[in-house]
Amino acid sequence: MSVFKDFARRRACAGLLLCAFVLGLAGCATQAPPEQAAPEGSLLRVGRFAVKTEELNRAPEAVQGGFVWRDTTAQLTLELTNPFGSILARVLVTNNGATLERANGEIIQTTSPDSLIDQALGQSIPVQGLRSWLRVQKTPQTGMRVLENDAQGRIVAFEQDGWQARLSNFDALGPRLISLLRAQAGRNISVRLVVD
């Protein structure tokens, strides 16, 4: 009988040690990493996108997924994922140009990030314009025709570079919902970005 009690006691101790170890690991996993100072003017946005193209005499084309937008003003990194979270493409924009890295490792370089997105998705997204449009704006940019401001003086509807834009659901950084529309030569492109 004492052999069974000794075995049961050892097993209980081992179970307690295992629980303490697991709880210790969980505590380590939930501790927030130390905050790193973000560069002045940087912007991080994570969300979802949907792009739809309609042309005369053709079936509509659409693509959707997620995005991670990291803009330090000196460098922009945009990751696009499919609805399942797999990376479709990564775009890096610097003063020297733009680079696209596809999921298969292929790398393409150009001077325009917009053309890279068109190559990656087969759809247009105005990356260069979004560098400003994702932020709170109260003063129009060059070439921007403001259509509407809200009660706080933020620009919420405008036209620029052939795009009609409507911004809403603002937080301290900028709009959390962006709807874009571009009509050109029988082709309509609509883009919707939702920041989570």
N, C-alpha and C. Protein backbone atom coordinates (compact mmCIF):
# COMPACT_ATOMS: atom_id res chain seq x y z
N MET A 1 0.82 -1.19 0.00
CA MET A 1 0.00 0.00 0.00
C MET A 1 0.87 1.26 0.00
N SER A 2 2.00 1.24 0.76
CA SER A 2 2.88 2.39 0.82
C SER A 2 3.54 2.65 -0.53
N VAL A 3 3.76 1.58 -1.32
CA VAL A 3 4.33 1.75 -2.66
C VAL A 3 3.37 2.55 -3.53
N PHE A 4 2.07 2.25 -3.41
CA PHE A 4 1.08 2.99 -4.20
C PHE A 4 0.98 4.44 -3.76
N LYS A 5 1.05 4.68 -2.41
CA LYS A 5 1.00 6.05 -1.90
C LYS A 5 2.21 6.84 -2.38
N ASP A 6 3.40 6.21 -2.34
CA ASP A 6 4.62 6.87 -2.78
C ASP A 6 4.55 7.20 -4.27
N PHE A 7 4.04 6.27 -5.08
CA PHE A 7 3.88 6.49 -6.52
C PHE A 7 2.89 7.63 -6.78
N ALA A 8 1.76 7.63 -6.04
CA ALA A 8 0.75 8.67 -6.21
C ALA A 8 1.30 10.03 -5.82
N ARG A 9 2.12 10.08 -4.75
CA ARG A 9 2.70 11.34 -4.30
C ARG A 9 3.68 11.87 -5.36
N ARG A 10 4.53 10.97 -5.89
CA ARG A 10 5.47 11.39 -6.94
C ARG A 10 4.74 11.89 -8.19
N ARG A 11 3.68 11.18 -8.53
CA ARG A 11 2.91 11.58 -9.72
C ARG A 11 2.26 12.94 -9.51
N ALA A 12 1.73 13.18 -8.32
CA ALA A 12 1.12 14.48 -8.00
C ALA A 12 2.16 15.59 -8.05
N CYS A 13 3.35 15.34 -7.50
CA CYS A 13 4.43 16.34 -7.54
C CYS A 13 4.84 16.64 -8.98
N ALA A 14 4.96 15.58 -9.77
CA ALA A 14 5.34 15.77 -11.18
C ALA A 14 4.28 16.59 -11.92
N GLY A 15 3.00 16.30 -11.61
CA GLY A 15 1.91 17.05 -12.23
C GLY A 15 1.95 18.51 -11.84
N LEU A 16 2.22 18.80 -10.55
CA LEU A 16 2.32 20.19 -10.09
C LEU A 16 3.49 20.91 -10.76
N LEU A 17 4.63 20.22 -10.86
CA LEU A 17 5.78 20.84 -11.53
C LEU A 17 5.48 21.13 -13.00
N LEU A 18 4.80 20.21 -13.68
CA LEU A 18 4.43 20.42 -15.07
C LEU A 18 3.49 21.61 -15.21
N CYS A 19 2.49 21.70 -14.31
CA CYS A 19 1.56 22.85 -14.35
C CYS A 19 2.30 24.16 -14.13
N ALA A 20 3.23 24.17 -13.14
CA ALA A 20 4.00 25.39 -12.87
C ALA A 20 4.83 25.78 -14.09
N PHE A 21 5.43 24.80 -14.75
CA PHE A 21 6.23 25.06 -15.94
C PHE A 21 5.38 25.65 -17.06
N VAL A 22 4.22 25.02 -17.31
CA VAL A 22 3.32 25.50 -18.37
C VAL A 22 2.83 26.90 -18.06
N LEU A 23 2.45 27.15 -16.79
CA LEU A 23 2.00 28.49 -16.43
C LEU A 23 3.12 29.50 -16.57
N GLY A 24 4.34 29.09 -16.25
CA GLY A 24 5.49 29.98 -16.42
C GLY A 24 5.71 30.35 -17.87
N LEU A 25 5.58 29.33 -18.74
CA LEU A 25 5.72 29.61 -20.18
C LEU A 25 4.61 30.52 -20.67
N ALA A 26 3.39 30.27 -20.20
CA ALA A 26 2.27 31.12 -20.62
C ALA A 26 2.50 32.55 -20.18
N GLY A 27 3.03 32.72 -18.96
CA GLY A 27 3.33 34.07 -18.48
C GLY A 27 4.35 34.75 -19.35
N CYS A 28 5.37 34.00 -19.78
CA CYS A 28 6.39 34.58 -20.67
C CYS A 28 5.79 34.95 -22.01
N ALA A 29 4.89 34.11 -22.50
CA ALA A 29 4.32 34.35 -23.83
C ALA A 29 3.41 35.55 -23.85
N THR A 30 2.77 35.86 -22.70
CA THR A 30 1.81 36.95 -22.71
C THR A 30 2.43 38.28 -22.32
N GLN A 31 3.71 38.28 -21.92
CA GLN A 31 4.33 39.54 -21.60
C GLN A 31 4.56 40.33 -22.88
N ALA A 32 4.18 41.60 -22.84
CA ALA A 32 4.36 42.43 -24.02
C ALA A 32 5.83 42.75 -24.21
N PRO A 33 6.31 42.73 -25.45
CA PRO A 33 7.71 43.09 -25.69
C PRO A 33 7.91 44.56 -25.37
N PRO A 34 9.12 44.96 -25.02
CA PRO A 34 9.34 46.38 -24.73
C PRO A 34 9.03 47.21 -25.95
N GLU A 35 8.40 48.34 -25.70
CA GLU A 35 8.01 49.20 -26.82
C GLU A 35 9.24 49.85 -27.42
N GLN A 36 9.26 49.88 -28.76
CA GLN A 36 10.33 50.55 -29.46
C GLN A 36 9.78 51.84 -30.02
N ALA A 37 10.55 52.87 -29.94
CA ALA A 37 10.10 54.17 -30.42
C ALA A 37 9.95 54.12 -31.94
N ALA A 38 8.77 54.50 -32.42
CA ALA A 38 8.54 54.53 -33.86
C ALA A 38 9.14 55.81 -34.42
N PRO A 39 9.72 55.74 -35.62
CA PRO A 39 10.27 56.95 -36.23
C PRO A 39 9.19 58.01 -36.41
N GLU A 40 9.60 59.25 -36.32
CA GLU A 40 8.68 60.38 -36.49
C GLU A 40 7.98 60.27 -37.85
N GLY A 41 6.66 60.38 -37.87
CA GLY A 41 5.89 60.33 -39.11
C GLY A 41 5.61 58.94 -39.63
N SER A 42 6.00 57.90 -38.87
CA SER A 42 5.77 56.53 -39.35
C SER A 42 4.30 56.15 -39.16
N LEU A 43 3.87 55.16 -39.93
CA LEU A 43 2.48 54.72 -39.89
C LEU A 43 2.43 53.21 -40.09
N LEU A 44 1.72 52.53 -39.20
CA LEU A 44 1.48 51.10 -39.33
C LEU A 44 -0.02 50.88 -39.40
N ARG A 45 -0.47 50.23 -40.46
CA ARG A 45 -1.88 49.91 -40.63
C ARG A 45 -2.00 48.46 -41.09
N VAL A 46 -2.95 47.75 -40.52
CA VAL A 46 -3.21 46.36 -40.87
C VAL A 46 -4.70 46.24 -41.17
N GLY A 47 -5.04 45.56 -42.24
CA GLY A 47 -6.46 45.44 -42.58
C GLY A 47 -6.72 44.54 -43.76
N ARG A 48 -7.82 44.83 -44.42
CA ARG A 48 -8.28 44.02 -45.55
C ARG A 48 -8.51 44.91 -46.77
N PHE A 49 -8.38 44.32 -47.95
CA PHE A 49 -8.63 45.07 -49.18
C PHE A 49 -9.52 44.25 -50.11
N ALA A 50 -10.23 44.96 -50.97
CA ALA A 50 -11.01 44.34 -52.04
C ALA A 50 -10.89 45.24 -53.26
N VAL A 51 -10.57 44.64 -54.39
CA VAL A 51 -10.44 45.38 -55.65
C VAL A 51 -11.34 44.71 -56.69
N LYS A 52 -12.11 45.53 -57.38
CA LYS A 52 -13.00 45.00 -58.41
C LYS A 52 -12.85 45.84 -59.67
N THR A 53 -12.74 45.16 -60.81
CA THR A 53 -12.63 45.83 -62.10
C THR A 53 -13.78 45.38 -62.99
N GLU A 54 -14.45 46.35 -63.59
CA GLU A 54 -15.54 46.07 -64.52
C GLU A 54 -15.24 46.74 -65.85
N GLU A 55 -15.35 45.96 -66.93
CA GLU A 55 -15.13 46.48 -68.27
C GLU A 55 -16.30 46.08 -69.15
N LEU A 56 -16.53 46.88 -70.18
CA LEU A 56 -17.60 46.57 -71.11
C LEU A 56 -17.36 45.22 -71.77
N ASN A 57 -18.41 44.43 -71.91
CA ASN A 57 -18.37 43.13 -72.59
C ASN A 57 -17.42 42.12 -71.95
N ARG A 58 -17.10 42.29 -70.66
CA ARG A 58 -16.24 41.33 -69.95
C ARG A 58 -16.82 41.06 -68.58
N ALA A 59 -16.57 39.88 -68.09
CA ALA A 59 -17.02 39.54 -66.73
C ALA A 59 -16.19 40.34 -65.73
N PRO A 60 -16.80 40.80 -64.64
CA PRO A 60 -16.04 41.54 -63.61
C PRO A 60 -14.93 40.67 -63.03
N GLU A 61 -13.83 41.31 -62.68
CA GLU A 61 -12.71 40.63 -62.03
C GLU A 61 -12.57 41.21 -60.63
N ALA A 62 -12.28 40.35 -59.66
CA ALA A 62 -12.14 40.82 -58.29
C ALA A 62 -11.04 40.06 -57.58
N VAL A 63 -10.40 40.74 -56.65
CA VAL A 63 -9.40 40.12 -55.80
C VAL A 63 -9.54 40.75 -54.41
N GLN A 64 -9.31 39.94 -53.40
CA GLN A 64 -9.40 40.45 -52.04
C GLN A 64 -8.40 39.74 -51.15
N GLY A 65 -8.15 40.33 -50.01
CA GLY A 65 -7.20 39.72 -49.07
C GLY A 65 -6.89 40.68 -47.96
N GLY A 66 -5.72 40.51 -47.37
CA GLY A 66 -5.30 41.35 -46.26
C GLY A 66 -4.07 42.15 -46.64
N PHE A 67 -3.77 43.15 -45.82
CA PHE A 67 -2.57 43.94 -46.05
C PHE A 67 -1.94 44.36 -44.74
N VAL A 68 -0.63 44.56 -44.79
CA VAL A 68 0.12 45.17 -43.69
C VAL A 68 0.90 46.32 -44.32
N TRP A 69 0.67 47.52 -43.82
CA TRP A 69 1.25 48.74 -44.37
C TRP A 69 2.20 49.32 -43.33
N ARG A 70 3.50 49.36 -43.64
CA ARG A 70 4.49 49.96 -42.74
C ARG A 70 5.19 51.08 -43.49
N ASP A 71 4.94 52.32 -43.05
CA ASP A 71 5.50 53.48 -43.74
C ASP A 71 6.31 54.30 -42.75
N THR A 72 7.61 54.40 -42.98
CA THR A 72 8.46 55.23 -42.12
C THR A 72 8.78 56.56 -42.80
N THR A 73 8.10 56.89 -43.86
CA THR A 73 8.32 58.04 -44.74
C THR A 73 9.59 57.86 -45.59
N ALA A 74 10.64 57.28 -45.02
CA ALA A 74 11.84 56.99 -45.82
C ALA A 74 11.66 55.70 -46.60
N GLN A 75 10.80 54.80 -46.09
CA GLN A 75 10.61 53.49 -46.72
C GLN A 75 9.19 53.00 -46.43
N LEU A 76 8.57 52.46 -47.46
CA LEU A 76 7.25 51.86 -47.32
C LEU A 76 7.36 50.37 -47.62
N THR A 77 6.80 49.55 -46.74
CA THR A 77 6.70 48.12 -47.00
C THR A 77 5.22 47.77 -46.98
N LEU A 78 4.76 47.14 -48.04
CA LEU A 78 3.36 46.73 -48.15
C LEU A 78 3.33 45.23 -48.42
N GLU A 79 2.70 44.50 -47.50
CA GLU A 79 2.52 43.06 -47.69
C GLU A 79 1.06 42.80 -48.01
N LEU A 80 0.83 42.03 -49.06
CA LEU A 80 -0.52 41.65 -49.46
C LEU A 80 -0.67 40.15 -49.27
N THR A 81 -1.76 39.76 -48.62
CA THR A 81 -2.01 38.35 -48.36
C THR A 81 -3.34 37.93 -48.98
N ASN A 82 -3.46 36.64 -49.26
CA ASN A 82 -4.75 36.13 -49.75
C ASN A 82 -5.69 35.98 -48.56
N PRO A 83 -6.97 35.65 -48.78
CA PRO A 83 -7.91 35.54 -47.66
C PRO A 83 -7.52 34.51 -46.61
N PHE A 84 -6.60 33.59 -46.94
CA PHE A 84 -6.16 32.58 -45.98
C PHE A 84 -4.91 33.00 -45.22
N GLY A 85 -4.38 34.20 -45.52
CA GLY A 85 -3.23 34.72 -44.80
C GLY A 85 -1.89 34.46 -45.45
N SER A 86 -1.84 33.74 -46.57
CA SER A 86 -0.56 33.49 -47.25
C SER A 86 -0.14 34.73 -48.03
N ILE A 87 1.14 35.05 -47.99
CA ILE A 87 1.63 36.26 -48.66
C ILE A 87 1.56 36.10 -50.18
N LEU A 88 0.87 37.05 -50.82
CA LEU A 88 0.83 37.10 -52.28
C LEU A 88 2.04 37.85 -52.81
N ALA A 89 2.35 38.97 -52.15
CA ALA A 89 3.44 39.82 -52.63
C ALA A 89 3.87 40.77 -51.52
N ARG A 90 5.11 41.20 -51.63
CA ARG A 90 5.64 42.21 -50.72
C ARG A 90 6.24 43.31 -51.59
N VAL A 91 5.84 44.55 -51.34
CA VAL A 91 6.34 45.69 -52.10
C VAL A 91 7.15 46.57 -51.17
N LEU A 92 8.35 46.95 -51.61
CA LEU A 92 9.22 47.85 -50.87
C LEU A 92 9.42 49.10 -51.72
N VAL A 93 9.10 50.27 -51.13
CA VAL A 93 9.22 51.53 -51.84
C VAL A 93 10.22 52.41 -51.10
N THR A 94 11.25 52.88 -51.82
CA THR A 94 12.22 53.82 -51.27
C THR A 94 12.38 54.96 -52.26
N ASN A 95 13.26 55.89 -51.93
CA ASN A 95 13.52 57.00 -52.85
C ASN A 95 14.16 56.52 -54.15
N ASN A 96 14.74 55.33 -54.15
CA ASN A 96 15.41 54.80 -55.33
C ASN A 96 14.50 54.01 -56.26
N GLY A 97 13.25 53.78 -55.84
CA GLY A 97 12.33 53.02 -56.69
C GLY A 97 11.51 52.04 -55.87
N ALA A 98 10.93 51.09 -56.56
CA ALA A 98 10.04 50.12 -55.91
C ALA A 98 10.43 48.71 -56.32
N THR A 99 10.32 47.79 -55.37
CA THR A 99 10.66 46.39 -55.59
C THR A 99 9.49 45.52 -55.18
N LEU A 100 9.15 44.56 -56.02
CA LEU A 100 8.10 43.60 -55.72
C LEU A 100 8.73 42.23 -55.54
N GLU A 101 8.40 41.56 -54.45
CA GLU A 101 8.81 40.18 -54.25
C GLU A 101 7.55 39.33 -54.19
N ARG A 102 7.43 38.40 -55.15
CA ARG A 102 6.28 37.50 -55.18
C ARG A 102 6.49 36.34 -54.21
N ALA A 103 5.41 35.62 -53.95
CA ALA A 103 5.47 34.47 -53.04
C ALA A 103 6.45 33.41 -53.54
N ASN A 104 6.64 33.30 -54.86
CA ASN A 104 7.55 32.29 -55.41
C ASN A 104 9.01 32.74 -55.43
N GLY A 105 9.29 33.93 -54.87
CA GLY A 105 10.67 34.43 -54.79
C GLY A 105 11.06 35.34 -55.94
N GLU A 106 10.24 35.44 -56.97
CA GLU A 106 10.53 36.32 -58.10
C GLU A 106 10.57 37.77 -57.63
N ILE A 107 11.55 38.52 -58.11
CA ILE A 107 11.71 39.93 -57.73
C ILE A 107 11.64 40.80 -58.98
N ILE A 108 10.83 41.85 -58.91
CA ILE A 108 10.67 42.80 -60.02
C ILE A 108 10.95 44.19 -59.47
N GLN A 109 11.68 45.01 -60.21
CA GLN A 109 11.96 46.37 -59.79
C GLN A 109 11.49 47.36 -60.83
N THR A 110 10.86 48.46 -60.36
CA THR A 110 10.46 49.56 -61.24
C THR A 110 10.57 50.86 -60.46
N THR A 111 10.21 51.93 -61.09
CA THR A 111 10.21 53.22 -60.40
C THR A 111 8.85 53.50 -59.77
N SER A 112 7.81 52.76 -60.16
CA SER A 112 6.45 53.04 -59.70
C SER A 112 5.87 51.87 -58.91
N PRO A 113 5.50 52.09 -57.63
CA PRO A 113 4.87 51.01 -56.87
C PRO A 113 3.50 50.62 -57.41
N ASP A 114 2.80 51.57 -58.03
CA ASP A 114 1.47 51.28 -58.56
C ASP A 114 1.53 50.22 -59.66
N SER A 115 2.54 50.32 -60.54
CA SER A 115 2.65 49.34 -61.62
C SER A 115 3.02 47.96 -61.07
N LEU A 116 3.77 47.93 -59.96
CA LEU A 116 4.11 46.65 -59.34
C LEU A 116 2.88 45.94 -58.79
N ILE A 117 2.00 46.70 -58.14
CA ILE A 117 0.78 46.11 -57.60
C ILE A 117 -0.08 45.57 -58.73
N ASP A 118 -0.13 46.32 -59.83
CA ASP A 118 -0.89 45.86 -61.00
C ASP A 118 -0.34 44.53 -61.50
N GLN A 119 0.99 44.39 -61.50
CA GLN A 119 1.60 43.13 -61.92
C GLN A 119 1.33 42.00 -60.92
N ALA A 120 1.35 42.35 -59.62
CA ALA A 120 1.18 41.33 -58.59
C ALA A 120 -0.25 40.81 -58.51
N LEU A 121 -1.22 41.73 -58.62
CA LEU A 121 -2.62 41.36 -58.44
C LEU A 121 -3.41 41.29 -59.74
N GLY A 122 -2.88 41.91 -60.78
CA GLY A 122 -3.67 42.05 -62.00
C GLY A 122 -4.75 43.11 -61.82
N GLN A 123 -4.62 43.91 -60.77
CA GLN A 123 -5.58 44.96 -60.44
C GLN A 123 -4.81 46.20 -59.99
N SER A 124 -5.45 47.35 -60.11
CA SER A 124 -4.79 48.60 -59.75
C SER A 124 -5.12 49.02 -58.32
N ILE A 125 -4.08 49.42 -57.59
CA ILE A 125 -4.24 50.06 -56.28
C ILE A 125 -3.26 51.23 -56.27
N PRO A 126 -3.72 52.44 -55.95
CA PRO A 126 -2.83 53.61 -56.00
C PRO A 126 -1.94 53.72 -54.75
N VAL A 127 -0.89 52.93 -54.71
CA VAL A 127 -0.01 52.87 -53.54
C VAL A 127 0.59 54.24 -53.23
N GLN A 128 1.07 54.92 -54.26
CA GLN A 128 1.72 56.21 -54.03
C GLN A 128 0.74 57.21 -53.40
N GLY A 129 -0.49 57.24 -53.87
CA GLY A 129 -1.48 58.14 -53.28
C GLY A 129 -1.84 57.75 -51.86
N LEU A 130 -1.91 56.45 -51.60
CA LEU A 130 -2.30 55.97 -50.27
C LEU A 130 -1.30 56.36 -49.20
N ARG A 131 -0.07 56.65 -49.57
CA ARG A 131 0.91 57.09 -48.56
C ARG A 131 0.40 58.33 -47.84
N SER A 132 -0.36 59.15 -48.52
CA SER A 132 -0.95 60.33 -47.88
C SER A 132 -2.39 60.08 -47.46
N TRP A 133 -3.13 59.35 -48.28
CA TRP A 133 -4.56 59.18 -48.03
C TRP A 133 -4.85 58.39 -46.76
N LEU A 134 -3.92 57.54 -46.32
CA LEU A 134 -4.12 56.77 -45.10
C LEU A 134 -3.92 57.60 -43.83
N ARG A 135 -3.48 58.83 -43.99
CA ARG A 135 -3.24 59.71 -42.85
C ARG A 135 -4.34 60.79 -42.76
N VAL A 136 -4.48 61.39 -41.59
CA VAL A 136 -5.40 62.51 -41.44
C VAL A 136 -4.89 63.66 -42.29
N GLN A 137 -5.76 64.23 -43.12
CA GLN A 137 -5.38 65.36 -43.97
C GLN A 137 -6.37 66.50 -43.77
N LYS A 138 -5.83 67.68 -43.55
CA LYS A 138 -6.67 68.87 -43.45
C LYS A 138 -6.31 69.88 -44.52
N THR A 139 -5.13 69.71 -45.13
CA THR A 139 -4.68 70.61 -46.19
C THR A 139 -4.59 69.82 -47.49
N PRO A 140 -5.19 70.31 -48.57
CA PRO A 140 -5.14 69.58 -49.84
C PRO A 140 -3.71 69.46 -50.38
N GLN A 141 -3.44 68.34 -51.00
CA GLN A 141 -2.16 68.13 -51.67
C GLN A 141 -2.23 68.74 -53.07
N THR A 142 -1.07 68.83 -53.69
CA THR A 142 -1.00 69.31 -55.06
C THR A 142 -1.82 68.38 -55.95
N GLY A 143 -2.68 68.93 -56.76
CA GLY A 143 -3.50 68.15 -57.68
C GLY A 143 -4.75 67.56 -57.06
N MET A 144 -5.01 67.86 -55.80
CA MET A 144 -6.19 67.31 -55.13
C MET A 144 -7.34 68.31 -55.21
N ARG A 145 -8.51 67.81 -55.64
CA ARG A 145 -9.72 68.64 -55.64
C ARG A 145 -10.61 68.14 -54.50
N VAL A 146 -10.69 68.95 -53.45
CA VAL A 146 -11.46 68.57 -52.26
C VAL A 146 -12.94 68.70 -52.55
N LEU A 147 -13.69 67.66 -52.24
CA LEU A 147 -15.14 67.66 -52.44
C LEU A 147 -15.89 67.85 -51.13
N GLU A 148 -15.27 67.44 -50.01
CA GLU A 148 -15.98 67.52 -48.74
C GLU A 148 -15.00 67.44 -47.56
N ASN A 149 -15.29 68.24 -46.52
CA ASN A 149 -14.59 68.16 -45.24
C ASN A 149 -15.60 67.80 -44.17
N ASP A 150 -15.14 67.18 -43.08
CA ASP A 150 -16.05 66.89 -41.98
C ASP A 150 -16.02 68.01 -40.95
N ALA A 151 -16.73 67.85 -39.85
CA ALA A 151 -16.84 68.90 -38.83
C ALA A 151 -15.50 69.21 -38.17
N GLN A 152 -14.56 68.25 -38.18
CA GLN A 152 -13.22 68.47 -37.61
C GLN A 152 -12.24 69.06 -38.63
N GLY A 153 -12.71 69.35 -39.84
CA GLY A 153 -11.85 69.93 -40.86
C GLY A 153 -11.05 68.92 -41.65
N ARG A 154 -11.27 67.63 -41.40
CA ARG A 154 -10.55 66.59 -42.14
C ARG A 154 -11.14 66.46 -43.54
N ILE A 155 -10.27 66.19 -44.51
CA ILE A 155 -10.73 65.94 -45.87
C ILE A 155 -11.31 64.53 -45.91
N VAL A 156 -12.58 64.42 -46.32
CA VAL A 156 -13.24 63.11 -46.33
C VAL A 156 -13.68 62.68 -47.73
N ALA A 157 -13.66 63.58 -48.70
CA ALA A 157 -13.97 63.21 -50.08
C ALA A 157 -13.17 64.12 -51.01
N PHE A 158 -12.52 63.50 -52.02
CA PHE A 158 -11.69 64.28 -52.93
C PHE A 158 -11.47 63.51 -54.22
N GLU A 159 -10.89 64.20 -55.20
CA GLU A 159 -10.43 63.58 -56.45
C GLU A 159 -8.96 63.91 -56.62
N GLN A 160 -8.17 62.92 -56.99
CA GLN A 160 -6.75 63.13 -57.23
C GLN A 160 -6.22 62.01 -58.12
N ASP A 161 -5.41 62.38 -59.09
CA ASP A 161 -4.76 61.42 -59.98
C ASP A 161 -5.76 60.45 -60.62
N GLY A 162 -6.96 60.94 -60.94
CA GLY A 162 -7.97 60.10 -61.59
C GLY A 162 -8.79 59.26 -60.63
N TRP A 163 -8.50 59.31 -59.33
CA TRP A 163 -9.24 58.54 -58.33
C TRP A 163 -10.22 59.44 -57.58
N GLN A 164 -11.42 58.94 -57.37
CA GLN A 164 -12.39 59.58 -56.47
C GLN A 164 -12.31 58.82 -55.16
N ALA A 165 -12.11 59.55 -54.06
CA ALA A 165 -11.90 58.89 -52.77
C ALA A 165 -12.91 59.37 -51.74
N ARG A 166 -13.33 58.46 -50.88
CA ARG A 166 -14.15 58.78 -49.72
C ARG A 166 -13.51 58.11 -48.51
N LEU A 167 -13.24 58.90 -47.47
CA LEU A 167 -12.57 58.44 -46.26
C LEU A 167 -13.54 58.55 -45.09
N SER A 168 -13.53 57.54 -44.20
CA SER A 168 -14.44 57.58 -43.05
C SER A 168 -13.91 56.72 -41.91
N ASN A 169 -14.67 56.67 -40.82
CA ASN A 169 -14.32 55.89 -39.62
C ASN A 169 -12.92 56.23 -39.10
N PHE A 170 -12.67 57.50 -38.87
CA PHE A 170 -11.34 57.96 -38.48
C PHE A 170 -10.97 57.54 -37.05
N ASP A 171 -9.67 57.26 -36.85
CA ASP A 171 -9.10 57.20 -35.52
C ASP A 171 -8.00 58.27 -35.48
N ALA A 172 -7.14 58.23 -34.48
CA ALA A 172 -6.14 59.29 -34.34
C ALA A 172 -5.13 59.32 -35.49
N LEU A 173 -4.93 58.19 -36.17
CA LEU A 173 -3.93 58.11 -37.24
C LEU A 173 -4.47 58.49 -38.61
N GLY A 174 -5.75 58.19 -38.84
CA GLY A 174 -6.32 58.44 -40.15
C GLY A 174 -7.59 57.65 -40.36
N PRO A 175 -8.05 57.57 -41.61
CA PRO A 175 -9.29 56.85 -41.90
C PRO A 175 -9.11 55.34 -41.74
N ARG A 176 -10.15 54.70 -41.25
CA ARG A 176 -10.13 53.24 -41.12
C ARG A 176 -10.94 52.59 -42.24
N LEU A 177 -11.59 53.41 -43.06
CA LEU A 177 -12.30 52.92 -44.24
C LEU A 177 -12.02 53.87 -45.40
N ILE A 178 -11.51 53.32 -46.49
CA ILE A 178 -11.21 54.11 -47.69
C ILE A 178 -11.89 53.43 -48.86
N SER A 179 -12.71 54.20 -49.57
CA SER A 179 -13.36 53.71 -50.79
C SER A 179 -12.86 54.54 -51.96
N LEU A 180 -12.34 53.87 -52.98
CA LEU A 180 -11.77 54.54 -54.14
C LEU A 180 -12.47 54.06 -55.40
N LEU A 181 -12.61 54.96 -56.35
CA LEU A 181 -13.22 54.63 -57.63
C LEU A 181 -12.47 55.35 -58.74
N ARG A 182 -12.20 54.61 -59.82
CA ARG A 182 -11.55 55.22 -60.98
C ARG A 182 -12.26 54.74 -62.23
N ALA A 183 -12.67 55.67 -63.06
CA ALA A 183 -13.34 55.35 -64.32
C ALA A 183 -12.46 55.85 -65.45
N GLN A 184 -12.12 54.94 -66.38
CA GLN A 184 -11.30 55.34 -67.52
C GLN A 184 -11.58 54.45 -68.72
N ALA A 185 -11.93 55.04 -69.81
CA ALA A 185 -12.10 54.34 -71.09
C ALA A 185 -12.87 53.03 -70.97
N GLY A 186 -14.08 53.11 -70.43
CA GLY A 186 -14.92 51.92 -70.34
C GLY A 186 -14.51 50.93 -69.28
N ARG A 187 -13.63 51.33 -68.37
CA ARG A 187 -13.16 50.44 -67.30
C ARG A 187 -13.34 51.14 -65.96
N ASN A 188 -14.06 50.49 -65.06
CA ASN A 188 -14.25 51.02 -63.71
C ASN A 188 -13.48 50.16 -62.71
N ILE A 189 -12.71 50.81 -61.85
CA ILE A 189 -11.95 50.12 -60.82
C ILE A 189 -12.41 50.64 -59.47
N SER A 190 -12.81 49.75 -58.60
CA SER A 190 -13.16 50.15 -57.24
C SER A 190 -12.24 49.43 -56.25
N VAL A 191 -11.78 50.19 -55.28
CA VAL A 191 -10.88 49.68 -54.25
C VAL A 191 -11.49 50.01 -52.90
N ARG A 192 -11.49 49.04 -52.01
CA ARG A 192 -11.99 49.28 -50.66
C ARG A 192 -10.95 48.76 -49.67
N LEU A 193 -10.52 49.64 -48.76
CA LEU A 193 -9.56 49.27 -47.72
C LEU A 193 -10.23 49.44 -46.37
N VAL A 194 -10.13 48.42 -45.52
CA VAL A 194 -10.67 48.48 -44.17
C VAL A 194 -9.52 48.22 -43.22
N VAL A 195 -9.24 49.19 -42.34
CA VAL A 195 -8.20 49.03 -41.33
C VAL A 195 -8.82 48.35 -40.11
N ASP A 196 -8.22 47.25 -39.69
CA ASP A 196 -8.74 46.51 -38.52
C ASP A 196 -8.28 47.15 -37.22
